[in-house]
Amino acid sequence: MSLDIASSLPIVGGWGVVGFAFGFVVKKILKYLLIFVGIYVASLLYLQHAGWITFNGSPEGLVDGLVGFLTREGGKLWSAVGTSLPLMGAFGVGASLGFAKG
């Protein structure tokens, strides 16, 4: 069985282009999303300071829930990446270049 690199090159290159577009779009969306979240949090903090609202809960509970979610779902992500490593490698390189360019 011989490995023909030339036949798999368009597939890997295609995933690199898709990854670049994905990284570019994600950075644009993330920038506006973080601006919106920052304004939202600042307005909530102002309303709490003014005495109009109160928060029942602790920030530690939110962090614990987020860490639990990431550890559960992170295992699924790594198993999916392991099954298609060459394609995900090209996608990852493209996504990181697109994120840097965007």
C-alpha atoms as a PDB file:
ATOM      1  CA  MET A   1       0.000   0.000   0.000  1.00  0.00           C
ATOM      2  CA  SER A   2       1.538   3.272  -1.099  1.00  0.00           C
ATOM      3  CA  LEU A   3       0.747   6.635   0.353  1.00  0.00           C
ATOM      4  CA  ASP A   4      -0.137   9.172  -2.318  1.00  0.00           C
ATOM      5  CA  ILE A   5       0.415  12.609  -0.815  1.00  0.00           C
ATOM      6  CA  ALA A   6      -0.658  14.468  -3.949  1.00  0.00           C
ATOM      7  CA  SER A   7      -4.188  13.066  -3.758  1.00  0.00           C
ATOM      8  CA  SER A   8      -4.690  14.148  -0.141  1.00  0.00           C
ATOM      9  CA  LEU A   9      -3.184  17.621  -0.580  1.00  0.00           C
ATOM     10  CA  PRO A  10      -6.393  19.318  -1.830  1.00  0.00           C
ATOM     11  CA  ILE A  11      -8.354  17.895   1.096  1.00  0.00           C
ATOM     12  CA  VAL A  12      -5.860  19.096   3.693  1.00  0.00           C
ATOM     13  CA  GLY A  13      -5.473  22.453   1.927  1.00  0.00           C
ATOM     14  CA  GLY A  14      -9.246  22.836   1.765  1.00  0.00           C
ATOM     15  CA  TRP A  15      -9.521  22.332   5.498  1.00  0.00           C
ATOM     16  CA  GLY A  16      -6.812  24.948   5.960  1.00  0.00           C
ATOM     17  CA  VAL A  17      -8.865  27.474   3.963  1.00  0.00           C
ATOM     18  CA  VAL A  18     -12.002  26.588   5.915  1.00  0.00           C
ATOM     19  CA  GLY A  19     -10.047  26.973   9.154  1.00  0.00           C
ATOM     20  CA  PHE A  20      -8.748  30.393   8.074  1.00  0.00           C
ATOM     21  CA  ALA A  21     -12.276  31.601   7.337  1.00  0.00           C
ATOM     22  CA  PHE A  22     -13.515  30.158  10.627  1.00  0.00           C
ATOM     23  CA  GLY A  23     -10.766  31.858  12.652  1.00  0.00           C
ATOM     24  CA  PHE A  24     -11.336  35.180  10.897  1.00  0.00           C
ATOM     25  CA  VAL A  25     -15.090  35.130  11.535  1.00  0.00           C
ATOM     26  CA  VAL A  26     -14.744  33.921  15.122  1.00  0.00           C
ATOM     27  CA  LYS A  27     -12.396  36.794  15.983  1.00  0.00           C
ATOM     28  CA  LYS A  28     -14.793  39.370  14.498  1.00  0.00           C
ATOM     29  CA  ILE A  29     -17.793  37.907  16.335  1.00  0.00           C
ATOM     30  CA  LEU A  30     -15.852  37.504  19.581  1.00  0.00           C
ATOM     31  CA  LYS A  31     -14.714  41.116  19.536  1.00  0.00           C
ATOM     32  CA  TYR A  32     -18.268  42.468  19.321  1.00  0.00           C
ATOM     33  CA  LEU A  33     -19.587  39.870  21.755  1.00  0.00           C
ATOM     34  CA  LEU A  34     -16.998  40.822  24.372  1.00  0.00           C
ATOM     35  CA  ILE A  35     -17.807  44.508  23.944  1.00  0.00           C
ATOM     36  CA  PHE A  36     -21.495  43.724  24.491  1.00  0.00           C
ATOM     37  CA  VAL A  37     -20.793  41.535  27.531  1.00  0.00           C
ATOM     38  CA  GLY A  38     -18.526  44.207  29.021  1.00  0.00           C
ATOM     39  CA  ILE A  39     -21.201  46.885  28.668  1.00  0.00           C
ATOM     40  CA  TYR A  40     -23.786  44.497  30.137  1.00  0.00           C
ATOM     41  CA  VAL A  41     -21.634  43.630  33.156  1.00  0.00           C
ATOM     42  CA  ALA A  42     -20.718  47.281  33.721  1.00  0.00           C
ATOM     43  CA  SER A  43     -24.413  48.245  33.675  1.00  0.00           C
ATOM     44  CA  LEU A  44     -25.246  45.466  36.146  1.00  0.00           C
ATOM     45  CA  LEU A  45     -22.475  46.601  38.475  1.00  0.00           C
ATOM     46  CA  TYR A  46     -23.722  50.172  38.266  1.00  0.00           C
ATOM     47  CA  LEU A  47     -27.289  49.101  39.041  1.00  0.00           C
ATOM     48  CA  GLN A  48     -26.064  47.081  42.020  1.00  0.00           C
ATOM     49  CA  HIS A  49     -24.003  50.023  43.250  1.00  0.00           C
ATOM     50  CA  ALA A  50     -27.021  52.319  42.896  1.00  0.00           C
ATOM     51  CA  GLY A  51     -29.081  49.870  44.972  1.00  0.00           C
ATOM     52  CA  TRP A  52     -31.643  49.023  42.301  1.00  0.00           C
ATOM     53  CA  ILE A  53     -30.715  45.324  42.078  1.00  0.00           C
ATOM     54  CA  THR A  54     -29.012  42.742  44.280  1.00  0.00           C
ATOM     55  CA  PHE A  55     -27.178  39.560  43.357  1.00  0.00           C
ATOM     56  CA  ASN A  56     -27.919  36.302  45.144  1.00  0.00           C
ATOM     57  CA  GLY A  57     -25.015  33.962  44.611  1.00  0.00           C
ATOM     58  CA  SER A  58     -21.268  33.902  44.471  1.00  0.00           C
ATOM     59  CA  PRO A  59     -18.849  34.184  41.592  1.00  0.00           C
ATOM     60  CA  GLU A  60     -17.204  30.950  42.757  1.00  0.00           C
ATOM     61  CA  GLY A  61     -20.356  29.014  41.850  1.00  0.00           C
ATOM     62  CA  LEU A  62     -20.224  30.356  38.325  1.00  0.00           C
ATOM     63  CA  VAL A  63     -16.551  29.467  37.948  1.00  0.00           C
ATOM     64  CA  ASP A  64     -17.116  25.948  39.317  1.00  0.00           C
ATOM     65  CA  GLY A  65     -19.951  25.377  36.864  1.00  0.00           C
ATOM     66  CA  LEU A  66     -17.855  26.607  33.950  1.00  0.00           C
ATOM     67  CA  VAL A  67     -14.885  24.431  34.895  1.00  0.00           C
ATOM     68  CA  GLY A  68     -17.160  21.394  35.215  1.00  0.00           C
ATOM     69  CA  PHE A  69     -18.664  22.038  31.789  1.00  0.00           C
ATOM     70  CA  LEU A  70     -15.256  22.437  30.153  1.00  0.00           C
ATOM     71  CA  THR A  71     -13.897  19.249  31.680  1.00  0.00           C
ATOM     72  CA  ARG A  72     -16.938  17.243  30.553  1.00  0.00           C
ATOM     73  CA  GLU A  73     -17.053  18.609  27.025  1.00  0.00           C
ATOM     74  CA  GLY A  74     -13.277  18.821  26.603  1.00  0.00           C
ATOM     75  CA  GLY A  75     -12.988  15.036  26.611  1.00  0.00           C
ATOM     76  CA  LYS A  76     -15.475  14.781  23.766  1.00  0.00           C
ATOM     77  CA  LEU A  77     -13.531  17.358  21.773  1.00  0.00           C
ATOM     78  CA  TRP A  78     -10.234  15.536  22.157  1.00  0.00           C
ATOM     79  CA  SER A  79     -11.754  12.223  21.092  1.00  0.00           C
ATOM     80  CA  ALA A  80     -13.150  13.868  17.950  1.00  0.00           C
ATOM     81  CA  VAL A  81      -9.793  15.488  17.156  1.00  0.00           C
ATOM     82  CA  GLY A  82      -7.966  12.197  17.577  1.00  0.00           C
ATOM     83  CA  THR A  83     -10.033  10.460  14.921  1.00  0.00           C
ATOM     84  CA  SER A  84      -9.251  12.990  12.201  1.00  0.00           C
ATOM     85  CA  LEU A  85      -5.919  14.463  13.220  1.00  0.00           C
ATOM     86  CA  PRO A  86      -4.508  15.451   9.791  1.00  0.00           C
ATOM     87  CA  LEU A  87      -7.642  17.337   8.805  1.00  0.00           C
ATOM     88  CA  MET A  88      -7.947  18.987  12.205  1.00  0.00           C
ATOM     89  CA  GLY A  89      -4.277  19.952  12.074  1.00  0.00           C
ATOM     90  CA  ALA A  90      -4.777  21.831   8.815  1.00  0.00           C
ATOM     91  CA  PHE A  91      -7.987  23.333  10.184  1.00  0.00           C
ATOM     92  CA  GLY A  92      -6.208  24.414  13.386  1.00  0.00           C
ATOM     93  CA  VAL A  93      -3.323  26.055  11.539  1.00  0.00           C
ATOM     94  CA  GLY A  94      -5.775  27.846   9.244  1.00  0.00           C
ATOM     95  CA  ALA A  95      -7.934  28.909  12.176  1.00  0.00           C
ATOM     96  CA  SER A  96      -4.965  30.317  14.090  1.00  0.00           C
ATOM     97  CA  LEU A  97      -3.793  32.255  11.007  1.00  0.00           C
ATOM     98  CA  GLY A  98      -7.311  33.557  10.395  1.00  0.00           C
ATOM     99  CA  PHE A  99      -7.673  34.557  14.044  1.00  0.00           C
ATOM    100  CA  ALA A 100      -4.366  36.420  13.903  1.00  0.00           C
ATOM    101  CA  LYS A 101      -5.312  38.170  10.651  1.00  0.00           C
ATOM    102  CA  GLY A 102      -8.875  39.083  11.701  1.00  0.00           C
END
